Amino acid sequence: MLARKTLFIGRFLLVVAVLGLICAPTAFAGKGHKLNINTATVEELKELPKIGDKTANAIVKYREEHGEFKSVDELLNVKGIGKKKLELLRPLVTVDKKDGSK
């Protein structure tokens, strides 16, 4: 009986962990807006999933050295961002101005 409960709890925790990973991007997007990577601060960038202090600073540094991002795909030029991370970030970020113009 105890082994059965332990197995159930283990499976339950695994499901919760997987759902957390799947829902993390949508939880951020649930704030009702996309984060503009051309105007975001380091602190705002760190709110994105998988973006820590180092990568957030690298994004800002790249922006300062190269000007505004022309597209979200340009994040691939930032050290610490690869294809997988870009695909995680894509629905959460934008280069558009708040009024929707580019």
PDB file of N, CA and C in Angstrom:
ATOM      1  N   MET A   1       0.819  -1.194   0.000  1.00  0.00           N
ATOM      2  CA  MET A   1       0.000   0.000   0.000  1.00  0.00           C
ATOM      3  C   MET A   1       0.871   1.269   0.000  1.00  0.00           C
ATOM      4  N   LEU A   2       1.900   1.270   0.832  1.00  0.00           N
ATOM      5  CA  LEU A   2       2.788   2.428   0.904  1.00  0.00           C
ATOM      6  C   LEU A   2       3.526   2.627  -0.416  1.00  0.00           C
ATOM      7  N   ALA A   3       3.953   1.545  -1.020  1.00  0.00           N
ATOM      8  CA  ALA A   3       4.658   1.636  -2.306  1.00  0.00           C
ATOM      9  C   ALA A   3       3.739   2.208  -3.382  1.00  0.00           C
ATOM     10  N   ARG A   4       2.481   1.843  -3.338  1.00  0.00           N
ATOM     11  CA  ARG A   4       1.511   2.335  -4.314  1.00  0.00           C
ATOM     12  C   ARG A   4       1.302   3.850  -4.157  1.00  0.00           C
ATOM     13  N   LYS A   5       1.210   4.319  -2.904  1.00  0.00           N
ATOM     14  CA  LYS A   5       1.043   5.745  -2.639  1.00  0.00           C
ATOM     15  C   LYS A   5       2.288   6.525  -3.083  1.00  0.00           C
ATOM     16  N   THR A   6       3.450   5.954  -2.805  1.00  0.00           N
ATOM     17  CA  THR A   6       4.701   6.602  -3.194  1.00  0.00           C
ATOM     18  C   THR A   6       4.792   6.725  -4.714  1.00  0.00           C
ATOM     19  N   LEU A   7       4.429   5.662  -5.413  1.00  0.00           N
ATOM     20  CA  LEU A   7       4.440   5.685  -6.872  1.00  0.00           C
ATOM     21  C   LEU A   7       3.459   6.724  -7.408  1.00  0.00           C
ATOM     22  N   PHE A   8       2.277   6.791  -6.812  1.00  0.00           N
ATOM     23  CA  PHE A   8       1.282   7.779  -7.235  1.00  0.00           C
ATOM     24  C   PHE A   8       1.793   9.196  -7.024  1.00  0.00           C
ATOM     25  N   ILE A   9       2.363   9.458  -5.862  1.00  0.00           N
ATOM     26  CA  ILE A   9       2.879  10.787  -5.558  1.00  0.00           C
ATOM     27  C   ILE A   9       4.008  11.151  -6.517  1.00  0.00           C
ATOM     28  N   GLY A  10       4.883  10.200  -6.804  1.00  0.00           N
ATOM     29  CA  GLY A  10       5.977  10.444  -7.737  1.00  0.00           C
ATOM     30  C   GLY A  10       5.467  10.789  -9.122  1.00  0.00           C
ATOM     31  N   ARG A  11       4.484  10.046  -9.597  1.00  0.00           N
ATOM     32  CA  ARG A  11       3.914  10.330 -10.921  1.00  0.00           C
ATOM     33  C   ARG A  11       3.203  11.675 -10.936  1.00  0.00           C
ATOM     34  N   PHE A  12       2.489  11.970  -9.860  1.00  0.00           N
ATOM     35  CA  PHE A  12       1.790  13.241  -9.762  1.00  0.00           C
ATOM     36  C   PHE A  12       2.775  14.409  -9.829  1.00  0.00           C
ATOM     37  N   LEU A  13       3.866  14.314  -9.085  1.00  0.00           N
ATOM     38  CA  LEU A  13       4.864  15.379  -9.085  1.00  0.00           C
ATOM     39  C   LEU A  13       5.520  15.530 -10.458  1.00  0.00           C
ATOM     40  N   LEU A  14       5.733  14.429 -11.142  1.00  0.00           N
ATOM     41  CA  LEU A  14       6.297  14.475 -12.485  1.00  0.00           C
ATOM     42  C   LEU A  14       5.360  15.210 -13.442  1.00  0.00           C
ATOM     43  N   VAL A  15       4.076  14.897 -13.361  1.00  0.00           N
ATOM     44  CA  VAL A  15       3.093  15.568 -14.219  1.00  0.00           C
ATOM     45  C   VAL A  15       3.053  17.061 -13.913  1.00  0.00           C
ATOM     46  N   VAL A  16       3.070  17.417 -12.641  1.00  0.00           N
ATOM     47  CA  VAL A  16       3.055  18.830 -12.258  1.00  0.00           C
ATOM     48  C   VAL A  16       4.298  19.539 -12.793  1.00  0.00           C
ATOM     49  N   ALA A  17       5.460  18.897 -12.698  1.00  0.00           N
ATOM     50  CA  ALA A  17       6.701  19.502 -13.186  1.00  0.00           C
ATOM     51  C   ALA A  17       6.648  19.717 -14.695  1.00  0.00           C
ATOM     52  N   VAL A  18       6.174  18.728 -15.429  1.00  0.00           N
ATOM     53  CA  VAL A  18       6.086  18.840 -16.889  1.00  0.00           C
ATOM     54  C   VAL A  18       5.104  19.940 -17.273  1.00  0.00           C
ATOM     55  N   LEU A  19       3.970  20.004 -16.599  1.00  0.00           N
ATOM     56  CA  LEU A  19       2.997  21.059 -16.892  1.00  0.00           C
ATOM     57  C   LEU A  19       3.583  22.435 -16.594  1.00  0.00           C
ATOM     58  N   GLY A  20       4.378  22.537 -15.551  1.00  0.00           N
ATOM     59  CA  GLY A  20       5.019  23.805 -15.223  1.00  0.00           C
ATOM     60  C   GLY A  20       5.948  24.261 -16.331  1.00  0.00           C
ATOM     61  N   LEU A  21       6.696  23.325 -16.900  1.00  0.00           N
ATOM     62  CA  LEU A  21       7.605  23.670 -17.994  1.00  0.00           C
ATOM     63  C   LEU A  21       6.850  24.073 -19.251  1.00  0.00           C
ATOM     64  N   ILE A  22       5.756  23.396 -19.500  1.00  0.00           N
ATOM     65  CA  ILE A  22       4.963  23.693 -20.690  1.00  0.00           C
ATOM     66  C   ILE A  22       4.244  25.028 -20.546  1.00  0.00           C
ATOM     67  N   CYS A  23       3.761  25.306 -19.360  1.00  0.00           N
ATOM     68  CA  CYS A  23       2.942  26.500 -19.143  1.00  0.00           C
ATOM     69  C   CYS A  23       3.747  27.752 -18.835  1.00  0.00           C
ATOM     70  N   ALA A  24       5.029  27.640 -18.552  1.00  0.00           N
ATOM     71  CA  ALA A  24       5.822  28.814 -18.177  1.00  0.00           C
ATOM     72  C   ALA A  24       5.748  29.926 -19.214  1.00  0.00           C
ATOM     73  N   PRO A  25       5.948  29.644 -20.509  1.00  0.00           N
ATOM     74  CA  PRO A  25       5.855  30.729 -21.489  1.00  0.00           C
ATOM     75  C   PRO A  25       4.472  31.344 -21.561  1.00  0.00           C
ATOM     76  N   THR A  26       3.431  30.522 -21.453  1.00  0.00           N
ATOM     77  CA  THR A  26       2.089  31.066 -21.537  1.00  0.00           C
ATOM     78  C   THR A  26       1.736  31.849 -20.290  1.00  0.00           C
ATOM     79  N   ALA A  27       2.330  31.513 -19.168  1.00  0.00           N
ATOM     80  CA  ALA A  27       2.087  32.286 -17.947  1.00  0.00           C
ATOM     81  C   ALA A  27       2.637  33.691 -18.110  1.00  0.00           C
ATOM     82  N   PHE A  28       3.812  33.812 -18.717  1.00  0.00           N
ATOM     83  CA  PHE A  28       4.393  35.135 -18.945  1.00  0.00           C
ATOM     84  C   PHE A  28       3.542  35.902 -19.954  1.00  0.00           C
ATOM     85  N   ALA A  29       3.180  35.231 -21.025  1.00  0.00           N
ATOM     86  CA  ALA A  29       2.376  35.874 -22.068  1.00  0.00           C
ATOM     87  C   ALA A  29       1.001  36.260 -21.532  1.00  0.00           C
ATOM     88  N   GLY A  30       0.553  35.579 -20.487  1.00  0.00           N
ATOM     89  CA  GLY A  30      -0.741  35.870 -19.898  1.00  0.00           C
ATOM     90  C   GLY A  30      -0.821  37.251 -19.287  1.00  0.00           C
ATOM     91  N   LYS A  31       0.299  37.939 -19.179  1.00  0.00           N
ATOM     92  CA  LYS A  31       0.284  39.302 -18.661  1.00  0.00           C
ATOM     93  C   LYS A  31      -0.378  40.253 -19.655  1.00  0.00           C
ATOM     94  N   GLY A  32      -0.710  39.765 -20.835  1.00  0.00           N
ATOM     95  CA  GLY A  32      -1.444  40.567 -21.791  1.00  0.00           C
ATOM     96  C   GLY A  32      -0.593  41.342 -22.774  1.00  0.00           C
ATOM     97  N   HIS A  33       0.700  41.134 -22.760  1.00  0.00           N
ATOM     98  CA  HIS A  33       1.548  41.853 -23.695  1.00  0.00           C
ATOM     99  C   HIS A  33       2.814  41.063 -23.965  1.00  0.00           C
ATOM    100  N   LYS A  34       3.450  41.423 -25.058  1.00  0.00           N
ATOM    101  CA  LYS A  34       4.768  40.870 -25.349  1.00  0.00           C
ATOM    102  C   LYS A  34       5.809  41.883 -24.900  1.00  0.00           C
ATOM    103  N   LEU A  35       6.943  41.387 -24.488  1.00  0.00           N
ATOM    104  CA  LEU A  35       8.021  42.256 -24.045  1.00  0.00           C
ATOM    105  C   LEU A  35       8.807  42.750 -25.251  1.00  0.00           C
ATOM    106  N   ASN A  36       8.949  44.057 -25.364  1.00  0.00           N
ATOM    107  CA  ASN A  36       9.695  44.646 -26.475  1.00  0.00           C
ATOM    108  C   ASN A  36      11.182  44.572 -26.142  1.00  0.00           C
ATOM    109  N   ILE A  37      11.915  43.762 -26.892  1.00  0.00           N
ATOM    110  CA  ILE A  37      13.341  43.580 -26.604  1.00  0.00           C
ATOM    111  C   ILE A  37      14.173  44.804 -26.977  1.00  0.00           C
ATOM    112  N   ASN A  38      13.575  45.765 -27.660  1.00  0.00           N
ATOM    113  CA  ASN A  38      14.289  47.003 -27.987  1.00  0.00           C
ATOM    114  C   ASN A  38      14.216  48.035 -26.871  1.00  0.00           C
ATOM    115  N   THR A  39      13.314  47.851 -25.943  1.00  0.00           N
ATOM    116  CA  THR A  39      13.157  48.820 -24.860  1.00  0.00           C
ATOM    117  C   THR A  39      13.244  48.190 -23.474  1.00  0.00           C
ATOM    118  N   ALA A  40      13.262  46.869 -23.398  1.00  0.00           N
ATOM    119  CA  ALA A  40      13.234  46.176 -22.106  1.00  0.00           C
ATOM    120  C   ALA A  40      14.516  46.404 -21.311  1.00  0.00           C
ATOM    121  N   THR A  41      14.349  46.521 -20.010  1.00  0.00           N
ATOM    122  CA  THR A  41      15.492  46.634 -19.108  1.00  0.00           C
ATOM    123  C   THR A  41      16.022  45.236 -18.790  1.00  0.00           C
ATOM    124  N   VAL A  42      17.173  45.183 -18.165  1.00  0.00           N
ATOM    125  CA  VAL A  42      17.744  43.901 -17.744  1.00  0.00           C
ATOM    126  C   VAL A  42      16.765  43.188 -16.819  1.00  0.00           C
ATOM    127  N   GLU A  43      16.185  43.917 -15.893  1.00  0.00           N
ATOM    128  CA  GLU A  43      15.243  43.306 -14.942  1.00  0.00           C
ATOM    129  C   GLU A  43      14.020  42.739 -15.648  1.00  0.00           C
ATOM    130  N   GLU A  44      13.508  43.450 -16.636  1.00  0.00           N
ATOM    131  CA  GLU A  44      12.359  42.950 -17.392  1.00  0.00           C
ATOM    132  C   GLU A  44      12.729  41.709 -18.194  1.00  0.00           C
ATOM    133  N   LEU A  45      13.890  41.715 -18.801  1.00  0.00           N
ATOM    134  CA  LEU A  45      14.338  40.561 -19.586  1.00  0.00           C
ATOM    135  C   LEU A  45      14.511  39.329 -18.707  1.00  0.00           C
ATOM    136  N   LYS A  46      14.938  39.533 -17.471  1.00  0.00           N
ATOM    137  CA  LYS A  46      15.151  38.405 -16.555  1.00  0.00           C
ATOM    138  C   LYS A  46      13.844  37.734 -16.150  1.00  0.00           C
ATOM    139  N   GLU A  47      12.707  38.369 -16.412  1.00  0.00           N
ATOM    140  CA  GLU A  47      11.413  37.755 -16.137  1.00  0.00           C
ATOM    141  C   GLU A  47      11.056  36.699 -17.174  1.00  0.00           C
ATOM    142  N   LEU A  48      11.731  36.726 -18.299  1.00  0.00           N
ATOM    143  CA  LEU A  48      11.481  35.738 -19.347  1.00  0.00           C
ATOM    144  C   LEU A  48      12.034  34.379 -18.912  1.00  0.00           C
ATOM    145  N   PRO A  49      11.400  33.292 -19.352  1.00  0.00           N
ATOM    146  CA  PRO A  49      11.914  31.972 -19.005  1.00  0.00           C
ATOM    147  C   PRO A  49      13.296  31.727 -19.616  1.00  0.00           C
ATOM    148  N   LYS A  50      14.168  31.130 -18.832  1.00  0.00           N
ATOM    149  CA  LYS A  50      15.521  30.754 -19.272  1.00  0.00           C
ATOM    150  C   LYS A  50      16.437  31.946 -19.532  1.00  0.00           C
ATOM    151  N   ILE A  51      16.057  33.134 -19.060  1.00  0.00           N
ATOM    152  CA  ILE A  51      16.904  34.312 -19.215  1.00  0.00           C
ATOM    153  C   ILE A  51      17.364  34.750 -17.831  1.00  0.00           C
ATOM    154  N   GLY A  52      18.647  34.589 -17.599  1.00  0.00           N
ATOM    155  CA  GLY A  52      19.232  35.003 -16.336  1.00  0.00           C
ATOM    156  C   GLY A  52      19.942  36.335 -16.497  1.00  0.00           C
ATOM    157  N   ASP A  53      20.667  36.700 -15.474  1.00  0.00           N
ATOM    158  CA  ASP A  53      21.365  37.989 -15.449  1.00  0.00           C
ATOM    159  C   ASP A  53      22.352  38.121 -16.607  1.00  0.00           C
ATOM    160  N   LYS A  54      23.120  37.062 -16.851  1.00  0.00           N
ATOM    161  CA  LYS A  54      24.146  37.094 -17.899  1.00  0.00           C
ATOM    162  C   LYS A  54      23.536  37.311 -19.288  1.00  0.00           C
ATOM    163  N   THR A  55      22.494  36.549 -19.606  1.00  0.00           N
ATOM    164  CA  THR A  55      21.880  36.654 -20.929  1.00  0.00           C
ATOM    165  C   THR A  55      21.128  37.967 -21.085  1.00  0.00           C
ATOM    166  N   ALA A  56      20.455  38.416 -20.032  1.00  0.00           N
ATOM    167  CA  ALA A  56      19.739  39.690 -20.090  1.00  0.00           C
ATOM    168  C   ALA A  56      20.722  40.832 -20.366  1.00  0.00           C
ATOM    169  N   ASN A  57      21.852  40.808 -19.685  1.00  0.00           N
ATOM    170  CA  ASN A  57      22.878  41.831 -19.923  1.00  0.00           C
ATOM    171  C   ASN A  57      23.442  41.735 -21.333  1.00  0.00           C
ATOM    172  N   ALA A  58      23.586  40.509 -21.835  1.00  0.00           N
ATOM    173  CA  ALA A  58      24.095  40.319 -23.201  1.00  0.00           C
ATOM    174  C   ALA A  58      23.120  40.881 -24.232  1.00  0.00           C
ATOM    175  N   ILE A  59      21.819  40.743 -23.985  1.00  0.00           N
ATOM    176  CA  ILE A  59      20.803  41.292 -24.897  1.00  0.00           C
ATOM    177  C   ILE A  59      20.911  42.815 -24.934  1.00  0.00           C
ATOM    178  N   VAL A  60      20.991  43.428 -23.766  1.00  0.00           N
ATOM    179  CA  VAL A  60      21.089  44.890 -23.695  1.00  0.00           C
ATOM    180  C   VAL A  60      22.393  45.374 -24.336  1.00  0.00           C
ATOM    181  N   LYS A  61      23.492  44.672 -24.063  1.00  0.00           N
ATOM    182  CA  LYS A  61      24.781  45.053 -24.647  1.00  0.00           C
ATOM    183  C   LYS A  61      24.740  44.958 -26.175  1.00  0.00           C
ATOM    184  N   TYR A  62      24.163  43.872 -26.691  1.00  0.00           N
ATOM    185  CA  TYR A  62      24.041  43.717 -28.140  1.00  0.00           C
ATOM    186  C   TYR A  62      23.239  44.873 -28.729  1.00  0.00           C
ATOM    187  N   ARG A  63      22.137  45.212 -28.070  1.00  0.00           N
ATOM    188  CA  ARG A  63      21.276  46.303 -28.535  1.00  0.00           C
ATOM    189  C   ARG A  63      22.027  47.639 -28.538  1.00  0.00           C
ATOM    190  N   GLU A  64      22.825  47.862 -27.518  1.00  0.00           N
ATOM    191  CA  GLU A  64      23.600  49.107 -27.435  1.00  0.00           C
ATOM    192  C   GLU A  64      24.677  49.179 -28.515  1.00  0.00           C
ATOM    193  N   GLU A  65      25.270  48.039 -28.846  1.00  0.00           N
ATOM    194  CA  GLU A  65      26.353  48.012 -29.824  1.00  0.00           C
ATOM    195  C   GLU A  65      25.874  47.975 -31.275  1.00  0.00           C
ATOM    196  N   HIS A  66      24.694  47.374 -31.510  1.00  0.00           N
ATOM    197  CA  HIS A  66      24.228  47.164 -32.874  1.00  0.00           C
ATOM    198  C   HIS A  66      22.952  47.922 -33.220  1.00  0.00           C
ATOM    199  N   GLY A  67      22.406  48.639 -32.281  1.00  0.00           N
ATOM    200  CA  GLY A  67      21.137  49.322 -32.525  1.00  0.00           C
ATOM    201  C   GLY A  67      19.964  48.404 -32.252  1.00  0.00           C
ATOM    202  N   GLU A  68      18.777  48.902 -32.544  1.00  0.00           N
ATOM    203  CA  GLU A  68      17.558  48.138 -32.273  1.00  0.00           C
ATOM    204  C   GLU A  68      17.539  46.827 -33.046  1.00  0.00           C
ATOM    205  N   PHE A  69      16.897  45.829 -32.435  1.00  0.00           N
ATOM    206  CA  PHE A  69      16.675  44.560 -33.114  1.00  0.00           C
ATOM    207  C   PHE A  69      15.683  44.804 -34.240  1.00  0.00           C
ATOM    208  N   LYS A  70      15.972  44.287 -35.416  1.00  0.00           N
ATOM    209  CA  LYS A  70      15.057  44.407 -36.553  1.00  0.00           C
ATOM    210  C   LYS A  70      13.997  43.311 -36.517  1.00  0.00           C
ATOM    211  N   SER A  71      14.370  42.161 -35.929  1.00  0.00           N
ATOM    212  CA  SER A  71      13.435  41.049 -35.795  1.00  0.00           C
ATOM    213  C   SER A  71      13.806  40.241 -34.561  1.00  0.00           C
ATOM    214  N   VAL A  72      12.872  39.446 -34.097  1.00  0.00           N
ATOM    215  CA  VAL A  72      13.115  38.581 -32.942  1.00  0.00           C
ATOM    216  C   VAL A  72      14.208  37.571 -33.278  1.00  0.00           C
ATOM    217  N   ASP A  73      14.289  37.149 -34.527  1.00  0.00           N
ATOM    218  CA  ASP A  73      15.309  36.187 -34.951  1.00  0.00           C
ATOM    219  C   ASP A  73      16.734  36.683 -34.703  1.00  0.00           C
ATOM    220  N   GLU A  74      16.901  37.987 -34.640  1.00  0.00           N
ATOM    221  CA  GLU A  74      18.220  38.573 -34.411  1.00  0.00           C
ATOM    222  C   GLU A  74      18.765  38.214 -33.023  1.00  0.00           C
ATOM    223  N   LEU A  75      17.898  37.740 -32.139  1.00  0.00           N
ATOM    224  CA  LEU A  75      18.355  37.282 -30.817  1.00  0.00           C
ATOM    225  C   LEU A  75      19.373  36.155 -30.939  1.00  0.00           C
ATOM    226  N   LEU A  76      19.371  35.441 -32.056  1.00  0.00           N
ATOM    227  CA  LEU A  76      20.343  34.367 -32.275  1.00  0.00           C
ATOM    228  C   LEU A  76      21.774  34.896 -32.284  1.00  0.00           C
ATOM    229  N   ASN A  77      21.940  36.180 -32.511  1.00  0.00           N
ATOM    230  CA  ASN A  77      23.271  36.791 -32.507  1.00  0.00           C
ATOM    231  C   ASN A  77      23.776  37.081 -31.097  1.00  0.00           C
ATOM    232  N   VAL A  78      22.915  36.920 -30.107  1.00  0.00           N
ATOM    233  CA  VAL A  78      23.279  37.206 -28.721  1.00  0.00           C
ATOM    234  C   VAL A  78      23.846  35.941 -28.079  1.00  0.00           C
ATOM    235  N   LYS A  79      25.015  36.078 -27.470  1.00  0.00           N
ATOM    236  CA  LYS A  79      25.636  34.937 -26.799  1.00  0.00           C
ATOM    237  C   LYS A  79      24.693  34.431 -25.707  1.00  0.00           C
ATOM    238  N   GLY A  80      24.465  33.120 -25.717  1.00  0.00           N
ATOM    239  CA  GLY A  80      23.590  32.514 -24.717  1.00  0.00           C
ATOM    240  C   GLY A  80      22.200  32.198 -25.238  1.00  0.00           C
ATOM    241  N   ILE A  81      21.919  32.607 -26.483  1.00  0.00           N
ATOM    242  CA  ILE A  81      20.610  32.312 -27.073  1.00  0.00           C
ATOM    243  C   ILE A  81      20.806  31.475 -28.324  1.00  0.00           C
ATOM    244  N   GLY A  82      20.281  30.271 -28.263  1.00  0.00           N
ATOM    245  CA  GLY A  82      20.328  29.363 -29.403  1.00  0.00           C
ATOM    246  C   GLY A  82      18.929  29.179 -29.966  1.00  0.00           C
ATOM    247  N   LYS A  83      18.814  28.254 -30.896  1.00  0.00           N
ATOM    248  CA  LYS A  83      17.536  28.032 -31.576  1.00  0.00           C
ATOM    249  C   LYS A  83      16.428  27.606 -30.610  1.00  0.00           C
ATOM    250  N   LYS A  84      16.741  26.717 -29.672  1.00  0.00           N
ATOM    251  CA  LYS A  84      15.714  26.242 -28.739  1.00  0.00           C
ATOM    252  C   LYS A  84      15.219  27.366 -27.839  1.00  0.00           C
ATOM    253  N   LYS A  85      16.143  28.152 -27.326  1.00  0.00           N
ATOM    254  CA  LYS A  85      15.749  29.255 -26.450  1.00  0.00           C
ATOM    255  C   LYS A  85      14.962  30.305 -27.237  1.00  0.00           C
ATOM    256  N   LEU A  86      15.379  30.545 -28.477  1.00  0.00           N
ATOM    257  CA  LEU A  86      14.660  31.506 -29.311  1.00  0.00           C
ATOM    258  C   LEU A  86      13.213  31.072 -29.501  1.00  0.00           C
ATOM    259  N   GLU A  87      12.998  29.802 -29.769  1.00  0.00           N
ATOM    260  CA  GLU A  87      11.634  29.308 -29.986  1.00  0.00           C
ATOM    261  C   GLU A  87      10.799  29.406 -28.709  1.00  0.00           C
ATOM    262  N   LEU A  88      11.428  29.273 -27.555  1.00  0.00           N
ATOM    263  CA  LEU A  88      10.739  29.450 -26.285  1.00  0.00           C
ATOM    264  C   LEU A  88      10.347  30.916 -26.094  1.00  0.00           C
ATOM    265  N   LEU A  89      11.216  31.822 -26.510  1.00  0.00           N
ATOM    266  CA  LEU A  89      10.991  33.252 -26.315  1.00  0.00           C
ATOM    267  C   LEU A  89      10.082  33.882 -27.368  1.00  0.00           C
ATOM    268  N   ARG A  90      10.080  33.319 -28.561  1.00  0.00           N
ATOM    269  CA  ARG A  90       9.373  33.935 -29.694  1.00  0.00           C
ATOM    270  C   ARG A  90       7.948  34.400 -29.373  1.00  0.00           C
ATOM    271  N   PRO A  91       7.112  33.586 -28.710  1.00  0.00           N
ATOM    272  CA  PRO A  91       5.741  34.064 -28.445  1.00  0.00           C
ATOM    273  C   PRO A  91       5.663  35.117 -27.339  1.00  0.00           C
ATOM    274  N   LEU A  92       6.761  35.378 -26.677  1.00  0.00           N
ATOM    275  CA  LEU A  92       6.755  36.269 -25.522  1.00  0.00           C
ATOM    276  C   LEU A  92       7.366  37.637 -25.781  1.00  0.00           C
ATOM    277  N   VAL A  93       8.083  37.771 -26.900  1.00  0.00           N
ATOM    278  CA  VAL A  93       8.807  39.012 -27.163  1.00  0.00           C
ATOM    279  C   VAL A  93       8.434  39.595 -28.517  1.00  0.00           C
ATOM    280  N   THR A  94       8.743  40.858 -28.667  1.00  0.00           N
ATOM    281  CA  THR A  94       8.473  41.554 -29.922  1.00  0.00           C
ATOM    282  C   THR A  94       9.531  42.626 -30.133  1.00  0.00           C
ATOM    283  N   VAL A  95       9.598  43.138 -31.349  1.00  0.00           N
ATOM    284  CA  VAL A  95      10.427  44.303 -31.650  1.00  0.00           C
ATOM    285  C   VAL A  95       9.531  45.471 -32.035  1.00  0.00           C
ATOM    286  N   ASP A  96       8.232  45.235 -32.047  1.00  0.00           N
ATOM    287  CA  ASP A  96       7.259  46.260 -32.415  1.00  0.00           C
ATOM    288  C   ASP A  96       7.085  47.283 -31.311  1.00  0.00           C
ATOM    289  N   LYS A  97       6.717  48.467 -31.711  1.00  0.00           N
ATOM    290  CA  LYS A  97       6.363  49.505 -30.737  1.00  0.00           C
ATOM    291  C   LYS A  97       4.994  49.163 -30.153  1.00  0.00           C
ATOM    292  N   LYS A  98       4.637  49.785 -29.054  1.00  0.00           N
ATOM    293  CA  LYS A  98       3.377  49.476 -28.370  1.00  0.00           C
ATOM    294  C   LYS A  98       2.156  49.674 -29.245  1.00  0.00           C
ATOM    295  N   ASP A  99       2.186  50.592 -30.177  1.00  0.00           N
ATOM    296  CA  ASP A  99       1.018  50.841 -31.023  1.00  0.00           C
ATOM    297  C   ASP A  99       0.896  49.848 -32.165  1.00  0.00           C
ATOM    298  N   GLY A 100       1.838  48.886 -32.217  1.00  0.00           N
ATOM    299  CA  GLY A 100       1.777  47.841 -33.236  1.00  0.00           C
ATOM    300  C   GLY A 100       2.565  48.169 -34.490  1.00  0.00           C
ATOM    301  N   SER A 101       3.053  49.404 -34.609  1.00  0.00           N
ATOM    302  CA  SER A 101       3.870  49.740 -35.777  1.00  0.00           C
ATOM    303  C   SER A 101       5.284  49.262 -35.570  1.00  0.00           C
ATOM    304  N   LYS A 102       6.039  49.192 -36.643  1.00  0.00           N
ATOM    305  CA  LYS A 102       7.427  48.707 -36.539  1.00  0.00           C
ATOM    306  C   LYS A 102       8.407  49.829 -36.629  1.00  0.00           C
TER     307      LYS A 102
END
